[in-house]
Amino acid sequence: MRVIAGEKRHLLLKAVPGEAVRPTQDNTKETLFNVINPYIAGSSFIDLFSGTGAIGIEAMSRGANPVVMVDNSSASISVMKENLRTTGLTDRARVISSDAVSALSVLEGEKKAYDFIFMDPPYNHEHEKRVLEKLQGSPLVNDETWIIVEASNLTDLSYVPELGFDIFKEKKYKNNKHVFIRKIG
């Protein structure tokens, strides 16, 4: 696993030991950033279920600032902080050790909308649904915010319009997909 592009390209990132964390594959990460790259420089970015921090680090390497990285696993937080030190990006990241919904509640108190909210939750447990329900009407989301869900190809997101969101793009891979969502406005 590595940083693909930007100021920190080619730096290697450490993985969380064991099989509890499923890092986004480099080719999938590259496809994701090919879609959002024209908009990433200077953007604000939340990386939920951050794991190793690879997505947030990639966003920072390409110019996103600030970046908030959230995970509730102490092993993931430890590896994430090590990866931030390795890349020299510690001072540009805010790491929150918490479940995603609680972290969003804290961030809502700051009354700031983000440009990107990315989530890669454990597959097929409906974590993305709970996060989207939390984001419904949240000050973290405005008409310009992109919400990106990495999910298994089996994940049903047909309920998204009922929450006031629109799926405007979907990229499918062999076993998973990126779903790009915006507030209906």
C-alpha atoms as a PDB file:
ATOM      1  CA  MET A   1       0.000   0.000   0.000  1.00  0.00           C
ATOM      2  CA  ARG A   2       1.369   3.390  -0.986  1.00  0.00           C
ATOM      3  CA  VAL A   3       0.556   7.021  -1.664  1.00  0.00           C
ATOM      4  CA  ILE A   4      -0.225   7.124  -5.386  1.00  0.00           C
ATOM      5  CA  ALA A   5       0.162  10.789  -6.341  1.00  0.00           C
ATOM      6  CA  GLY A   6       0.797  14.298  -5.109  1.00  0.00           C
ATOM      7  CA  GLU A   7       3.539  15.635  -2.890  1.00  0.00           C
ATOM      8  CA  LYS A   8       3.941  12.354  -0.942  1.00  0.00           C
ATOM      9  CA  ARG A   9       3.681   9.959  -3.909  1.00  0.00           C
ATOM     10  CA  HIS A  10       5.470   6.604  -3.707  1.00  0.00           C
ATOM     11  CA  LEU A  11       5.732   6.655   0.110  1.00  0.00           C
ATOM     12  CA  LEU A  12       4.793   3.274   1.565  1.00  0.00           C
ATOM     13  CA  LEU A  13       2.062   3.007   4.185  1.00  0.00           C
ATOM     14  CA  LYS A  14       1.813   0.475   6.965  1.00  0.00           C
ATOM     15  CA  ALA A  15      -1.206  -1.844   7.170  1.00  0.00           C
ATOM     16  CA  VAL A  16      -3.152  -2.765  10.296  1.00  0.00           C
ATOM     17  CA  PRO A  17      -2.143  -6.309  11.338  1.00  0.00           C
ATOM     18  CA  GLY A  18      -4.767  -9.020  10.958  1.00  0.00           C
ATOM     19  CA  GLU A  19      -7.843  -9.079   8.780  1.00  0.00           C
ATOM     20  CA  ALA A  20     -10.115  -6.662  10.652  1.00  0.00           C
ATOM     21  CA  VAL A  21      -9.207  -3.788   8.307  1.00  0.00           C
ATOM     22  CA  ARG A  22      -9.705  -4.071   4.565  1.00  0.00           C
ATOM     23  CA  PRO A  23      -7.571  -1.342   2.940  1.00  0.00           C
ATOM     24  CA  THR A  24      -8.751   0.112  -0.352  1.00  0.00           C
ATOM     25  CA  GLN A  25      -6.688  -1.476  -3.119  1.00  0.00           C
ATOM     26  CA  ASP A  26      -4.270   0.862  -4.924  1.00  0.00           C
ATOM     27  CA  ASN A  27      -6.025   0.502  -8.290  1.00  0.00           C
ATOM     28  CA  THR A  28      -9.430   1.220  -6.704  1.00  0.00           C
ATOM     29  CA  LYS A  29      -7.974   4.194  -4.817  1.00  0.00           C
ATOM     30  CA  GLU A  30      -6.426   5.483  -8.041  1.00  0.00           C
ATOM     31  CA  THR A  31      -9.777   5.277  -9.856  1.00  0.00           C
ATOM     32  CA  LEU A  32     -11.503   7.104  -6.987  1.00  0.00           C
ATOM     33  CA  PHE A  33      -8.972   9.926  -7.053  1.00  0.00           C
ATOM     34  CA  ASN A  34      -9.108  10.163 -10.854  1.00  0.00           C
ATOM     35  CA  VAL A  35     -12.774  11.119 -10.400  1.00  0.00           C
ATOM     36  CA  ILE A  36     -12.280  13.667  -7.590  1.00  0.00           C
ATOM     37  CA  ASN A  37      -8.779  14.952  -8.390  1.00  0.00           C
ATOM     38  CA  PRO A  38      -9.938  18.093 -10.282  1.00  0.00           C
ATOM     39  CA  TYR A  39     -11.697  19.248  -7.072  1.00  0.00           C
ATOM     40  CA  ILE A  40      -9.366  18.025  -4.314  1.00  0.00           C
ATOM     41  CA  ALA A  41      -6.764  20.835  -3.984  1.00  0.00           C
ATOM     42  CA  GLY A  42      -7.779  23.122  -1.137  1.00  0.00           C
ATOM     43  CA  SER A  43     -10.840  21.027  -0.284  1.00  0.00           C
ATOM     44  CA  SER A  44     -11.962  19.953   3.172  1.00  0.00           C
ATOM     45  CA  PHE A  45     -12.200  16.185   3.584  1.00  0.00           C
ATOM     46  CA  ILE A  46     -13.601  13.743   6.150  1.00  0.00           C
ATOM     47  CA  ASP A  47     -12.407  10.122   6.003  1.00  0.00           C
ATOM     48  CA  LEU A  48     -14.783   7.925   8.057  1.00  0.00           C
ATOM     49  CA  PHE A  49     -13.869   4.341   8.983  1.00  0.00           C
ATOM     50  CA  SER A  50     -10.362   5.477   8.108  1.00  0.00           C
ATOM     51  CA  GLY A  51      -8.439   2.297   8.979  1.00  0.00           C
ATOM     52  CA  THR A  52      -4.828   2.906   7.950  1.00  0.00           C
ATOM     53  CA  GLY A  53      -5.592   6.490   6.935  1.00  0.00           C
ATOM     54  CA  ALA A  54      -4.619   5.782   3.319  1.00  0.00           C
ATOM     55  CA  ILE A  55      -7.564   7.676   1.761  1.00  0.00           C
ATOM     56  CA  GLY A  56      -7.129  10.751   3.969  1.00  0.00           C
ATOM     57  CA  ILE A  57      -3.365  10.706   3.382  1.00  0.00           C
ATOM     58  CA  GLU A  58      -3.903  10.440  -0.380  1.00  0.00           C
ATOM     59  CA  ALA A  59      -6.291  13.415  -0.200  1.00  0.00           C
ATOM     60  CA  MET A  60      -3.694  15.471   1.733  1.00  0.00           C
ATOM     61  CA  SER A  61      -0.934  14.474  -0.677  1.00  0.00           C
ATOM     62  CA  ARG A  62      -3.092  15.885  -3.473  1.00  0.00           C
ATOM     63  CA  GLY A  63      -3.783  19.144  -1.620  1.00  0.00           C
ATOM     64  CA  ALA A  64      -6.833  18.631   0.610  1.00  0.00           C
ATOM     65  CA  ASN A  65      -6.626  20.617   3.833  1.00  0.00           C
ATOM     66  CA  PRO A  66      -8.049  20.175   6.424  1.00  0.00           C
ATOM     67  CA  VAL A  67      -8.548  16.411   6.578  1.00  0.00           C
ATOM     68  CA  VAL A  68     -10.385  14.710   9.443  1.00  0.00           C
ATOM     69  CA  MET A  69      -9.742  10.978   9.886  1.00  0.00           C
ATOM     70  CA  VAL A  70     -12.100   8.904  12.046  1.00  0.00           C
ATOM     71  CA  ASP A  71     -11.897   5.346  13.320  1.00  0.00           C
ATOM     72  CA  ASN A  72     -12.938   3.590  16.525  1.00  0.00           C
ATOM     73  CA  SER A  73     -10.222   0.910  16.529  1.00  0.00           C
ATOM     74  CA  SER A  74      -7.163   1.609  18.680  1.00  0.00           C
ATOM     75  CA  ALA A  75      -5.041  -0.551  16.343  1.00  0.00           C
ATOM     76  CA  SER A  76      -6.192   1.506  13.344  1.00  0.00           C
ATOM     77  CA  ILE A  77      -5.586   4.802  15.149  1.00  0.00           C
ATOM     78  CA  SER A  78      -2.062   3.680  16.041  1.00  0.00           C
ATOM     79  CA  VAL A  79      -1.228   2.679  12.441  1.00  0.00           C
ATOM     80  CA  MET A  80      -2.920   5.808  11.083  1.00  0.00           C
ATOM     81  CA  LYS A  81      -0.762   8.042  13.310  1.00  0.00           C
ATOM     82  CA  GLU A  82       2.360   6.123  12.277  1.00  0.00           C
ATOM     83  CA  ASN A  83       1.450   6.587   8.592  1.00  0.00           C
ATOM     84  CA  LEU A  84       0.904  10.301   9.195  1.00  0.00           C
ATOM     85  CA  ARG A  85       4.371  10.567  10.806  1.00  0.00           C
ATOM     86  CA  THR A  86       5.944   8.603   7.926  1.00  0.00           C
ATOM     87  CA  THR A  87       4.417  10.963   5.370  1.00  0.00           C
ATOM     88  CA  GLY A  88       5.065  14.107   7.408  1.00  0.00           C
ATOM     89  CA  LEU A  89       1.367  15.001   7.375  1.00  0.00           C
ATOM     90  CA  THR A  90       0.607  14.843  11.098  1.00  0.00           C
ATOM     91  CA  ASP A  91       0.132  18.603  11.399  1.00  0.00           C
ATOM     92  CA  ARG A  92      -2.419  18.684   8.540  1.00  0.00           C
ATOM     93  CA  ALA A  93      -4.664  15.904   9.851  1.00  0.00           C
ATOM     94  CA  ARG A  94      -7.120  15.747  12.688  1.00  0.00           C
ATOM     95  CA  VAL A  95      -7.517  12.215  14.029  1.00  0.00           C
ATOM     96  CA  ILE A  96     -10.674  11.362  15.961  1.00  0.00           C
ATOM     97  CA  SER A  97     -10.873   8.070  17.846  1.00  0.00           C
ATOM     98  CA  SER A  98     -14.608   7.441  17.818  1.00  0.00           C
ATOM     99  CA  ASP A  99     -17.418   5.748  15.978  1.00  0.00           C
ATOM    100  CA  ALA A 100     -18.419   7.618  12.825  1.00  0.00           C
ATOM    101  CA  VAL A 101     -21.817   8.923  13.968  1.00  0.00           C
ATOM    102  CA  SER A 102     -20.447  10.282  17.268  1.00  0.00           C
ATOM    103  CA  ALA A 103     -17.537  11.939  15.445  1.00  0.00           C
ATOM    104  CA  LEU A 104     -19.989  13.605  13.057  1.00  0.00           C
ATOM    105  CA  SER A 105     -21.926  14.952  16.061  1.00  0.00           C
ATOM    106  CA  VAL A 106     -18.719  16.555  17.373  1.00  0.00           C
ATOM    107  CA  LEU A 107     -17.890  18.032  13.965  1.00  0.00           C
ATOM    108  CA  GLU A 108     -21.435  19.397  13.572  1.00  0.00           C
ATOM    109  CA  GLY A 109     -20.800  21.590  16.598  1.00  0.00           C
ATOM    110  CA  GLU A 110     -18.202  23.455  14.548  1.00  0.00           C
ATOM    111  CA  LYS A 111     -20.882  24.493  12.025  1.00  0.00           C
ATOM    112  CA  LYS A 112     -18.687  23.949   8.971  1.00  0.00           C
ATOM    113  CA  ALA A 113     -19.620  22.142   5.758  1.00  0.00           C
ATOM    114  CA  TYR A 114     -17.056  19.825   4.149  1.00  0.00           C
ATOM    115  CA  ASP A 115     -16.327  19.391   0.455  1.00  0.00           C
ATOM    116  CA  PHE A 116     -15.897  15.598   0.670  1.00  0.00           C
ATOM    117  CA  ILE A 117     -17.155  13.017   3.141  1.00  0.00           C
ATOM    118  CA  PHE A 118     -15.716   9.598   2.323  1.00  0.00           C
ATOM    119  CA  MET A 119     -16.680   6.398   4.112  1.00  0.00           C
ATOM    120  CA  ASP A 120     -15.442   2.853   3.763  1.00  0.00           C
ATOM    121  CA  PRO A 121     -17.318   0.990   6.503  1.00  0.00           C
ATOM    122  CA  PRO A 122     -17.255  -2.763   7.089  1.00  0.00           C
ATOM    123  CA  TYR A 123     -19.319  -4.215   4.269  1.00  0.00           C
ATOM    124  CA  ASN A 124     -22.927  -5.362   4.628  1.00  0.00           C
ATOM    125  CA  HIS A 125     -23.617  -4.040   8.145  1.00  0.00           C
ATOM    126  CA  GLU A 126     -25.598  -0.917   7.102  1.00  0.00           C
ATOM    127  CA  HIS A 127     -23.088   1.467   8.715  1.00  0.00           C
ATOM    128  CA  GLU A 128     -23.338   3.678   5.615  1.00  0.00           C
ATOM    129  CA  LYS A 129     -27.100   3.964   6.139  1.00  0.00           C
ATOM    130  CA  ARG A 130     -26.643   5.178   9.735  1.00  0.00           C
ATOM    131  CA  VAL A 131     -24.067   7.729   8.570  1.00  0.00           C
ATOM    132  CA  LEU A 132     -26.296   8.965   5.734  1.00  0.00           C
ATOM    133  CA  GLU A 133     -29.218   9.273   8.166  1.00  0.00           C
ATOM    134  CA  LYS A 134     -26.960  11.354  10.439  1.00  0.00           C
ATOM    135  CA  LEU A 135     -25.893  13.551   7.503  1.00  0.00           C
ATOM    136  CA  GLN A 136     -29.506  14.203   6.510  1.00  0.00           C
ATOM    137  CA  GLY A 137     -30.004  17.884   7.352  1.00  0.00           C
ATOM    138  CA  SER A 138     -26.509  18.135   8.876  1.00  0.00           C
ATOM    139  CA  PRO A 139     -24.516  21.396   8.687  1.00  0.00           C
ATOM    140  CA  LEU A 140     -21.573  19.248   7.530  1.00  0.00           C
ATOM    141  CA  VAL A 141     -23.272  18.885   4.137  1.00  0.00           C
ATOM    142  CA  ASN A 142     -24.204  21.607   1.672  1.00  0.00           C
ATOM    143  CA  ASP A 143     -25.208  21.530  -2.007  1.00  0.00           C
ATOM    144  CA  GLU A 144     -21.551  21.200  -3.063  1.00  0.00           C
ATOM    145  CA  THR A 145     -20.565  18.344  -0.712  1.00  0.00           C
ATOM    146  CA  TRP A 146     -19.685  15.006  -2.279  1.00  0.00           C
ATOM    147  CA  ILE A 147     -20.461  12.002  -0.077  1.00  0.00           C
ATOM    148  CA  ILE A 148     -18.591   8.950  -1.313  1.00  0.00           C
ATOM    149  CA  VAL A 149     -19.463   5.471  -0.086  1.00  0.00           C
ATOM    150  CA  GLU A 150     -17.185   2.507  -0.698  1.00  0.00           C
ATOM    151  CA  ALA A 151     -19.373  -0.571  -0.383  1.00  0.00           C
ATOM    152  CA  SER A 152     -19.722  -4.130  -1.578  1.00  0.00           C
ATOM    153  CA  ASN A 153     -21.519  -4.610  -4.884  1.00  0.00           C
ATOM    154  CA  LEU A 154     -24.317  -6.240  -2.875  1.00  0.00           C
ATOM    155  CA  THR A 155     -25.022  -3.101  -0.843  1.00  0.00           C
ATOM    156  CA  ASP A 156     -28.461  -1.683  -1.629  1.00  0.00           C
ATOM    157  CA  LEU A 157     -28.542   2.110  -1.542  1.00  0.00           C
ATOM    158  CA  SER A 158     -32.001   2.504  -3.097  1.00  0.00           C
ATOM    159  CA  TYR A 159     -33.146   4.371   0.049  1.00  0.00           C
ATOM    160  CA  VAL A 160     -30.751   7.300  -0.613  1.00  0.00           C
ATOM    161  CA  PRO A 161     -33.368   9.570  -2.323  1.00  0.00           C
ATOM    162  CA  GLU A 162     -35.695   9.137   0.681  1.00  0.00           C
ATOM    163  CA  LEU A 163     -32.979  10.797   2.808  1.00  0.00           C
ATOM    164  CA  GLY A 164     -32.802  13.826   0.513  1.00  0.00           C
ATOM    165  CA  PHE A 165     -29.727  12.699  -1.417  1.00  0.00           C
ATOM    166  CA  ASP A 166     -29.068  11.820  -5.050  1.00  0.00           C
ATOM    167  CA  ILE A 167     -26.678   9.207  -6.415  1.00  0.00           C
ATOM    168  CA  PHE A 168     -24.977  11.047  -9.274  1.00  0.00           C
ATOM    169  CA  LYS A 169     -22.235   8.566 -10.141  1.00  0.00           C
ATOM    170  CA  GLU A 170     -21.285   4.974  -9.430  1.00  0.00           C
ATOM    171  CA  LYS A 171     -18.025   3.175 -10.218  1.00  0.00           C
ATOM    172  CA  LYS A 172     -18.171  -0.613  -9.961  1.00  0.00           C
ATOM    173  CA  TYR A 173     -15.162  -2.845  -9.496  1.00  0.00           C
ATOM    174  CA  LYS A 174     -14.883  -6.621  -9.214  1.00  0.00           C
ATOM    175  CA  ASN A 175     -16.277  -6.936  -5.664  1.00  0.00           C
ATOM    176  CA  ASN A 176     -17.054  -3.396  -4.565  1.00  0.00           C
ATOM    177  CA  LYS A 177     -18.112   0.025  -5.752  1.00  0.00           C
ATOM    178  CA  HIS A 178     -17.812   3.738  -5.091  1.00  0.00           C
ATOM    179  CA  VAL A 179     -21.138   5.524  -4.911  1.00  0.00           C
ATOM    180  CA  PHE A 180     -21.070   9.312  -5.301  1.00  0.00           C
ATOM    181  CA  ILE A 181     -23.905  11.117  -3.519  1.00  0.00           C
ATOM    182  CA  ARG A 182     -25.024  14.748  -3.241  1.00  0.00           C
ATOM    183  CA  LYS A 183     -27.735  16.532  -1.365  1.00  0.00           C
ATOM    184  CA  ILE A 184     -30.837  17.065  -3.508  1.00  0.00           C
ATOM    185  CA  GLY A 185     -31.025  20.813  -3.887  1.00  0.00           C
END
